Amino acid sequence: MRLNADFSRRAVVTPDAYRWVASPTPGVERMMLDRIGEEVARATSLVRYAPNSDFPRHEHGGGEEILVLDGEFADEHGRYPAGSYLRNPIGTAHAPRVGAEGATLFVKLHQFSPDDTERKVVDTRAQDWRPGGKSGIEVMPLHDFQDERVALERWAPKARLAPRDYRGGAELLVLEGGFHDEEGDYPAGSWLRLPPGGRHTPSPGADGALVYVKMGHLPPG
């Protein structure tokens, strides 16, 4: 399968385009955002666990990055409520499970550098925000490795953001609120990928925006 697999092109998925598909594991559905491969794939997805469901123990052949969007996710290593950010490096393994409220995750698979070996768990609800360089912008760094940068950004309502150039590409997932740029509008739940060398000027709306931002990680076009 090849879905949004040309990294030299801009890709957008908004909530009105969601199409949830069943995974091979009962009670687990996926909304695929980009994918190269079949069941073992370089993939970016939303993953929805039904209440009291689980997923077989598996090893992360290419690493796994998770942001818990709602509910509570768990494995043999701990419990991760909404707002938790996890990185499981290449070679780690776990057996995921969820409780009575279910869970929705943002998941990226097979996108780790072999040298990026730090397992990480961040409770973003307990972290401090830092000034983002311009009025109305706050940043919460989550992970830095080589050229890759991952953070949450909080944009105040109608904050004026400077144009952004993404030499190594970027992905944005809108967690709350919404924003627009020269190409369109992105309400909560929207996923936007800009290619290496991409540029835009995001503008938050009247409710501001909370956005997951990952930069510098995409292969050259």
C-alpha atoms as a PDB file:
ATOM      1  CA  MET A   1       0.000   0.000   0.000  1.00  0.00           C
ATOM      2  CA  ARG A   2       1.153   3.519  -0.777  1.00  0.00           C
ATOM      3  CA  LEU A   3      -0.873   6.338   0.786  1.00  0.00           C
ATOM      4  CA  ASN A   4       0.392   9.940   0.770  1.00  0.00           C
ATOM      5  CA  ALA A   5       3.736   8.311   0.036  1.00  0.00           C
ATOM      6  CA  ASP A   6       5.289  11.101  -2.056  1.00  0.00           C
ATOM      7  CA  PHE A   7       7.129  13.195   0.538  1.00  0.00           C
ATOM      8  CA  SER A   8       7.854  15.899  -2.021  1.00  0.00           C
ATOM      9  CA  ARG A   9       4.149  16.796  -2.010  1.00  0.00           C
ATOM     10  CA  ARG A  10       1.960  18.526   0.521  1.00  0.00           C
ATOM     11  CA  ALA A  11      -0.623  16.216   2.165  1.00  0.00           C
ATOM     12  CA  VAL A  12      -3.723  17.129   4.181  1.00  0.00           C
ATOM     13  CA  VAL A  13      -6.366  15.052   5.960  1.00  0.00           C
ATOM     14  CA  THR A  14      -9.228  16.844   7.719  1.00  0.00           C
ATOM     15  CA  PRO A  15     -11.821  15.158   9.967  1.00  0.00           C
ATOM     16  CA  ASP A  16     -14.485  15.162   7.270  1.00  0.00           C
ATOM     17  CA  ALA A  17     -12.239  12.790   5.280  1.00  0.00           C
ATOM     18  CA  TYR A  18     -11.722  10.252   8.089  1.00  0.00           C
ATOM     19  CA  ARG A  19     -12.342   6.664   7.016  1.00  0.00           C
ATOM     20  CA  TRP A  20     -11.771   4.251   9.881  1.00  0.00           C
ATOM     21  CA  VAL A  21     -10.779   0.715   8.884  1.00  0.00           C
ATOM     22  CA  ALA A  22     -10.538  -2.377  11.048  1.00  0.00           C
ATOM     23  CA  SER A  23      -7.086  -3.687  11.922  1.00  0.00           C
ATOM     24  CA  PRO A  24      -6.400  -7.435  12.085  1.00  0.00           C
ATOM     25  CA  THR A  25      -6.938  -7.166  15.867  1.00  0.00           C
ATOM     26  CA  PRO A  26     -10.607  -7.048  16.976  1.00  0.00           C
ATOM     27  CA  GLY A  27     -11.554  -3.783  18.660  1.00  0.00           C
ATOM     28  CA  VAL A  28      -8.740  -1.775  17.053  1.00  0.00           C
ATOM     29  CA  GLU A  29      -9.421   0.561  14.121  1.00  0.00           C
ATOM     30  CA  ARG A  30      -7.098   2.810  12.126  1.00  0.00           C
ATOM     31  CA  MET A  31      -7.460   6.027  10.206  1.00  0.00           C
ATOM     32  CA  MET A  32      -4.432   5.918   7.894  1.00  0.00           C
ATOM     33  CA  LEU A  33      -2.712   9.252   7.186  1.00  0.00           C
ATOM     34  CA  ASP A  34       0.338   8.067   5.290  1.00  0.00           C
ATOM     35  CA  ARG A  35       1.661   4.573   4.652  1.00  0.00           C
ATOM     36  CA  ILE A  36       4.296   2.687   2.695  1.00  0.00           C
ATOM     37  CA  GLY A  37       3.862  -1.061   3.107  1.00  0.00           C
ATOM     38  CA  GLU A  38       1.211  -3.530   4.145  1.00  0.00           C
ATOM     39  CA  GLU A  39       0.743  -4.737   7.727  1.00  0.00           C
ATOM     40  CA  VAL A  40       4.388  -3.979   8.503  1.00  0.00           C
ATOM     41  CA  ALA A  41       4.787  -0.454   7.178  1.00  0.00           C
ATOM     42  CA  ARG A  42       6.233   2.981   7.523  1.00  0.00           C
ATOM     43  CA  ALA A  43       3.002   4.507   8.717  1.00  0.00           C
ATOM     44  CA  THR A  44       1.351   7.514  10.334  1.00  0.00           C
ATOM     45  CA  SER A  45      -2.132   6.788  11.670  1.00  0.00           C
ATOM     46  CA  LEU A  46      -4.835   7.577  14.158  1.00  0.00           C
ATOM     47  CA  VAL A  47      -5.566   4.381  16.097  1.00  0.00           C
ATOM     48  CA  ARG A  48      -8.809   3.861  17.979  1.00  0.00           C
ATOM     49  CA  TYR A  49      -9.106   1.194  20.689  1.00  0.00           C
ATOM     50  CA  ALA A  50     -12.567   0.047  21.750  1.00  0.00           C
ATOM     51  CA  PRO A  51     -13.183  -0.163  25.523  1.00  0.00           C
ATOM     52  CA  ASN A  52     -11.465  -3.118  27.195  1.00  0.00           C
ATOM     53  CA  SER A  53      -9.496  -4.078  24.090  1.00  0.00           C
ATOM     54  CA  ASP A  54      -5.874  -5.046  23.699  1.00  0.00           C
ATOM     55  CA  PHE A  55      -3.243  -5.619  21.039  1.00  0.00           C
ATOM     56  CA  PRO A  56      -0.863  -8.601  20.813  1.00  0.00           C
ATOM     57  CA  ARG A  57       2.653  -8.200  22.143  1.00  0.00           C
ATOM     58  CA  HIS A  58       4.915  -6.978  19.352  1.00  0.00           C
ATOM     59  CA  GLU A  59       8.425  -5.698  18.778  1.00  0.00           C
ATOM     60  CA  HIS A  60       9.091  -2.281  17.252  1.00  0.00           C
ATOM     61  CA  GLY A  61      11.220  -3.094  14.234  1.00  0.00           C
ATOM     62  CA  GLY A  62      11.402   0.530  13.188  1.00  0.00           C
ATOM     63  CA  GLY A  63      10.431   2.358  16.369  1.00  0.00           C
ATOM     64  CA  GLU A  64       7.077   3.718  17.537  1.00  0.00           C
ATOM     65  CA  GLU A  65       6.018   7.254  18.489  1.00  0.00           C
ATOM     66  CA  ILE A  66       2.669   7.756  20.259  1.00  0.00           C
ATOM     67  CA  LEU A  67       0.612  10.722  21.427  1.00  0.00           C
ATOM     68  CA  VAL A  68      -2.448   9.704  23.480  1.00  0.00           C
ATOM     69  CA  LEU A  69      -5.330  11.880  22.284  1.00  0.00           C
ATOM     70  CA  ASP A  70      -8.110  10.630  24.554  1.00  0.00           C
ATOM     71  CA  GLY A  71      -8.842   7.849  27.008  1.00  0.00           C
ATOM     72  CA  GLU A  72      -6.015   5.947  28.669  1.00  0.00           C
ATOM     73  CA  PHE A  73      -3.473   3.657  27.031  1.00  0.00           C
ATOM     74  CA  ALA A  74      -1.464   1.088  28.985  1.00  0.00           C
ATOM     75  CA  ASP A  75       1.087  -1.693  28.635  1.00  0.00           C
ATOM     76  CA  GLU A  76       3.251  -3.765  30.959  1.00  0.00           C
ATOM     77  CA  HIS A  77       5.491  -0.723  31.523  1.00  0.00           C
ATOM     78  CA  GLY A  78       2.831   1.706  32.760  1.00  0.00           C
ATOM     79  CA  ARG A  79      -0.370   3.651  32.201  1.00  0.00           C
ATOM     80  CA  TYR A  80      -0.557   6.657  29.898  1.00  0.00           C
ATOM     81  CA  PRO A  81      -3.553   9.019  30.130  1.00  0.00           C
ATOM     82  CA  ALA A  82      -4.580  11.530  27.476  1.00  0.00           C
ATOM     83  CA  GLY A  83      -1.726  13.941  26.829  1.00  0.00           C
ATOM     84  CA  SER A  84       0.998  11.310  27.224  1.00  0.00           C
ATOM     85  CA  TYR A  85       3.811  11.280  24.661  1.00  0.00           C
ATOM     86  CA  LEU A  86       5.765   8.019  24.220  1.00  0.00           C
ATOM     87  CA  ARG A  87       8.771   6.950  22.189  1.00  0.00           C
ATOM     88  CA  ASN A  88       9.567   3.229  21.912  1.00  0.00           C
ATOM     89  CA  PRO A  89      12.887   2.801  20.069  1.00  0.00           C
ATOM     90  CA  ILE A  90      13.828   0.087  17.601  1.00  0.00           C
ATOM     91  CA  GLY A  91      13.973  -3.304  19.291  1.00  0.00           C
ATOM     92  CA  THR A  92      11.654  -2.512  22.213  1.00  0.00           C
ATOM     93  CA  ALA A  93       8.420  -4.477  22.682  1.00  0.00           C
ATOM     94  CA  HIS A  94       5.133  -4.258  24.558  1.00  0.00           C
ATOM     95  CA  ALA A  95       1.563  -5.571  24.781  1.00  0.00           C
ATOM     96  CA  PRO A  96      -0.871  -2.610  24.630  1.00  0.00           C
ATOM     97  CA  ARG A  97      -4.234  -2.619  26.381  1.00  0.00           C
ATOM     98  CA  VAL A  98      -6.925  -0.107  27.295  1.00  0.00           C
ATOM     99  CA  GLY A  99      -9.644   0.067  29.929  1.00  0.00           C
ATOM    100  CA  ALA A 100     -13.345   0.838  30.037  1.00  0.00           C
ATOM    101  CA  GLU A 101     -13.108   4.238  28.345  1.00  0.00           C
ATOM    102  CA  GLY A 102     -11.131   3.100  25.313  1.00  0.00           C
ATOM    103  CA  ALA A 103      -8.436   5.292  23.766  1.00  0.00           C
ATOM    104  CA  THR A 104      -7.458   7.156  20.615  1.00  0.00           C
ATOM    105  CA  LEU A 105      -3.787   7.518  19.681  1.00  0.00           C
ATOM    106  CA  PHE A 106      -1.693   9.312  17.081  1.00  0.00           C
ATOM    107  CA  VAL A 107       0.943   6.753  16.061  1.00  0.00           C
ATOM    108  CA  LYS A 108       4.032   6.886  13.848  1.00  0.00           C
ATOM    109  CA  LEU A 109       5.793   3.602  12.974  1.00  0.00           C
ATOM    110  CA  HIS A 110       9.117   2.733  11.353  1.00  0.00           C
ATOM    111  CA  GLN A 111      10.387   6.312  11.386  1.00  0.00           C
ATOM    112  CA  PHE A 112      13.242   6.135  13.938  1.00  0.00           C
ATOM    113  CA  SER A 113      16.922   6.552  13.304  1.00  0.00           C
ATOM    114  CA  PRO A 114      18.768   3.424  14.513  1.00  0.00           C
ATOM    115  CA  ASP A 115      20.883   5.780  16.650  1.00  0.00           C
ATOM    116  CA  ASP A 116      17.838   7.245  18.422  1.00  0.00           C
ATOM    117  CA  THR A 117      17.693   4.781  21.312  1.00  0.00           C
ATOM    118  CA  GLU A 118      16.062   6.761  24.139  1.00  0.00           C
ATOM    119  CA  ARG A 119      12.766   5.385  25.417  1.00  0.00           C
ATOM    120  CA  LYS A 120      10.718   8.365  26.500  1.00  0.00           C
ATOM    121  CA  VAL A 121       7.463   8.983  28.358  1.00  0.00           C
ATOM    122  CA  VAL A 122       6.291  12.594  28.797  1.00  0.00           C
ATOM    123  CA  ASP A 123       3.111  13.616  30.611  1.00  0.00           C
ATOM    124  CA  THR A 124       2.412  16.859  28.781  1.00  0.00           C
ATOM    125  CA  ARG A 125      -0.198  17.837  31.385  1.00  0.00           C
ATOM    126  CA  ALA A 126       2.602  18.200  33.950  1.00  0.00           C
ATOM    127  CA  GLN A 127       5.198  20.010  31.801  1.00  0.00           C
ATOM    128  CA  ASP A 128       5.881  23.730  31.721  1.00  0.00           C
ATOM    129  CA  TRP A 129       5.321  25.837  28.634  1.00  0.00           C
ATOM    130  CA  ARG A 130       8.133  28.031  27.307  1.00  0.00           C
ATOM    131  CA  PRO A 131       7.889  31.330  25.426  1.00  0.00           C
ATOM    132  CA  GLY A 132       7.804  30.668  21.697  1.00  0.00           C
ATOM    133  CA  GLY A 133       9.743  33.681  20.482  1.00  0.00           C
ATOM    134  CA  LYS A 134       6.710  35.772  19.514  1.00  0.00           C
ATOM    135  CA  SER A 135       3.820  37.126  21.534  1.00  0.00           C
ATOM    136  CA  GLY A 136       0.985  34.618  21.839  1.00  0.00           C
ATOM    137  CA  ILE A 137       3.100  31.525  21.123  1.00  0.00           C
ATOM    138  CA  GLU A 138       4.149  28.925  23.719  1.00  0.00           C
ATOM    139  CA  VAL A 139       6.194  25.771  23.112  1.00  0.00           C
ATOM    140  CA  MET A 140       6.592  22.469  24.951  1.00  0.00           C
ATOM    141  CA  PRO A 141       9.577  20.530  23.546  1.00  0.00           C
ATOM    142  CA  LEU A 142       9.041  16.766  23.487  1.00  0.00           C
ATOM    143  CA  HIS A 143      12.009  15.307  21.602  1.00  0.00           C
ATOM    144  CA  ASP A 144      15.133  16.431  19.735  1.00  0.00           C
ATOM    145  CA  PHE A 145      17.456  14.139  17.827  1.00  0.00           C
ATOM    146  CA  GLN A 146      19.810  15.177  15.041  1.00  0.00           C
ATOM    147  CA  ASP A 147      17.612  17.295  12.707  1.00  0.00           C
ATOM    148  CA  GLU A 148      14.307  16.069  14.142  1.00  0.00           C
ATOM    149  CA  ARG A 149      12.332  18.320  16.513  1.00  0.00           C
ATOM    150  CA  VAL A 150       9.014  17.385  18.142  1.00  0.00           C
ATOM    151  CA  ALA A 151       6.975  19.804  20.261  1.00  0.00           C
ATOM    152  CA  LEU A 152       3.541  20.933  21.248  1.00  0.00           C
ATOM    153  CA  GLU A 153       2.795  24.538  20.342  1.00  0.00           C
ATOM    154  CA  ARG A 154       0.025  26.652  21.809  1.00  0.00           C
ATOM    155  CA  TRP A 155      -1.068  29.611  19.699  1.00  0.00           C
ATOM    156  CA  ALA A 156      -3.223  32.306  21.291  1.00  0.00           C
ATOM    157  CA  PRO A 157      -6.373  33.388  19.454  1.00  0.00           C
ATOM    158  CA  LYS A 158      -5.460  35.389  16.345  1.00  0.00           C
ATOM    159  CA  ALA A 159      -1.741  35.411  17.229  1.00  0.00           C
ATOM    160  CA  ARG A 160       0.412  36.656  14.373  1.00  0.00           C
ATOM    161  CA  LEU A 161       2.877  33.913  13.451  1.00  0.00           C
ATOM    162  CA  ALA A 162       5.859  34.539  11.204  1.00  0.00           C
ATOM    163  CA  PRO A 163       6.192  32.615   7.915  1.00  0.00           C
ATOM    164  CA  ARG A 164       7.722  29.191   8.528  1.00  0.00           C
ATOM    165  CA  ASP A 165      10.265  27.448   6.315  1.00  0.00           C
ATOM    166  CA  TYR A 166      10.682  23.701   6.799  1.00  0.00           C
ATOM    167  CA  ARG A 167      14.024  22.653   5.360  1.00  0.00           C
ATOM    168  CA  GLY A 168      13.482  19.065   6.516  1.00  0.00           C
ATOM    169  CA  GLY A 169       9.706  19.038   6.130  1.00  0.00           C
ATOM    170  CA  ALA A 170       7.063  19.160   8.850  1.00  0.00           C
ATOM    171  CA  GLU A 171       3.925  17.503  10.162  1.00  0.00           C
ATOM    172  CA  LEU A 172       1.228  19.254  12.165  1.00  0.00           C
ATOM    173  CA  LEU A 173      -1.693  17.630  13.977  1.00  0.00           C
ATOM    174  CA  VAL A 174      -4.311  20.038  15.320  1.00  0.00           C
ATOM    175  CA  LEU A 175      -5.279  18.910  18.819  1.00  0.00           C
ATOM    176  CA  GLU A 176      -7.540  21.818  19.827  1.00  0.00           C
ATOM    177  CA  GLY A 177      -8.907  24.905  18.102  1.00  0.00           C
ATOM    178  CA  GLY A 178      -7.809  25.406  14.529  1.00  0.00           C
ATOM    179  CA  PHE A 179      -5.778  27.483  12.098  1.00  0.00           C
ATOM    180  CA  HIS A 180      -5.545  28.389   8.452  1.00  0.00           C
ATOM    181  CA  ASP A 181      -2.767  29.176   6.010  1.00  0.00           C
ATOM    182  CA  GLU A 182      -2.473  30.193   2.369  1.00  0.00           C
ATOM    183  CA  GLU A 183      -3.836  26.816   1.234  1.00  0.00           C
ATOM    184  CA  GLY A 184      -6.764  26.078   3.521  1.00  0.00           C
ATOM    185  CA  ASP A 185      -8.415  25.686   6.924  1.00  0.00           C
ATOM    186  CA  TYR A 186      -7.493  23.072   9.524  1.00  0.00           C
ATOM    187  CA  PRO A 187      -9.950  22.433  12.380  1.00  0.00           C
ATOM    188  CA  ALA A 188      -9.170  20.199  15.351  1.00  0.00           C
ATOM    189  CA  GLY A 189      -8.274  16.712  14.142  1.00  0.00           C
ATOM    190  CA  SER A 190      -6.594  17.910  10.943  1.00  0.00           C
ATOM    191  CA  TRP A 191      -3.219  16.505   9.862  1.00  0.00           C
ATOM    192  CA  LEU A 192      -0.966  18.493   7.562  1.00  0.00           C
ATOM    193  CA  ARG A 193       2.382  17.412   6.094  1.00  0.00           C
ATOM    194  CA  LEU A 194       4.637  19.879   4.286  1.00  0.00           C
ATOM    195  CA  PRO A 195       7.555  18.616   2.186  1.00  0.00           C
ATOM    196  CA  PRO A 196      11.225  19.477   2.682  1.00  0.00           C
ATOM    197  CA  GLY A 197      11.548  23.095   1.618  1.00  0.00           C
ATOM    198  CA  GLY A 198       7.848  23.714   2.303  1.00  0.00           C
ATOM    199  CA  ARG A 199       6.686  27.063   3.586  1.00  0.00           C
ATOM    200  CA  HIS A 200       3.490  28.518   5.021  1.00  0.00           C
ATOM    201  CA  THR A 201       2.189  31.168   7.411  1.00  0.00           C
ATOM    202  CA  PRO A 202      -0.210  29.592   9.934  1.00  0.00           C
ATOM    203  CA  SER A 203      -2.846  31.844  11.478  1.00  0.00           C
ATOM    204  CA  PRO A 204      -4.865  30.604  14.481  1.00  0.00           C
ATOM    205  CA  GLY A 205      -8.555  31.364  14.612  1.00  0.00           C
ATOM    206  CA  ALA A 206     -10.741  32.909  17.289  1.00  0.00           C
ATOM    207  CA  ASP A 207     -10.255  29.922  19.637  1.00  0.00           C
ATOM    208  CA  GLY A 208      -6.492  29.687  19.172  1.00  0.00           C
ATOM    209  CA  ALA A 209      -4.842  26.326  18.524  1.00  0.00           C
ATOM    210  CA  LEU A 210      -2.934  23.537  20.234  1.00  0.00           C
ATOM    211  CA  VAL A 211      -0.765  21.764  17.668  1.00  0.00           C
ATOM    212  CA  TYR A 212       1.652  18.826  17.617  1.00  0.00           C
ATOM    213  CA  VAL A 213       4.553  19.888  15.391  1.00  0.00           C
ATOM    214  CA  LYS A 214       7.295  17.587  14.086  1.00  0.00           C
ATOM    215  CA  MET A 215      10.043  19.078  11.914  1.00  0.00           C
ATOM    216  CA  GLY A 216      13.214  18.040  10.126  1.00  0.00           C
ATOM    217  CA  HIS A 217      12.408  14.327   9.804  1.00  0.00           C
ATOM    218  CA  LEU A 218      11.234  13.839   6.215  1.00  0.00           C
ATOM    219  CA  PRO A 219      13.421  12.394   3.461  1.00  0.00           C
ATOM    220  CA  PRO A 220      14.435  14.806   0.683  1.00  0.00           C
ATOM    221  CA  GLY A 221      12.034  14.978  -2.234  1.00  0.00           C
END
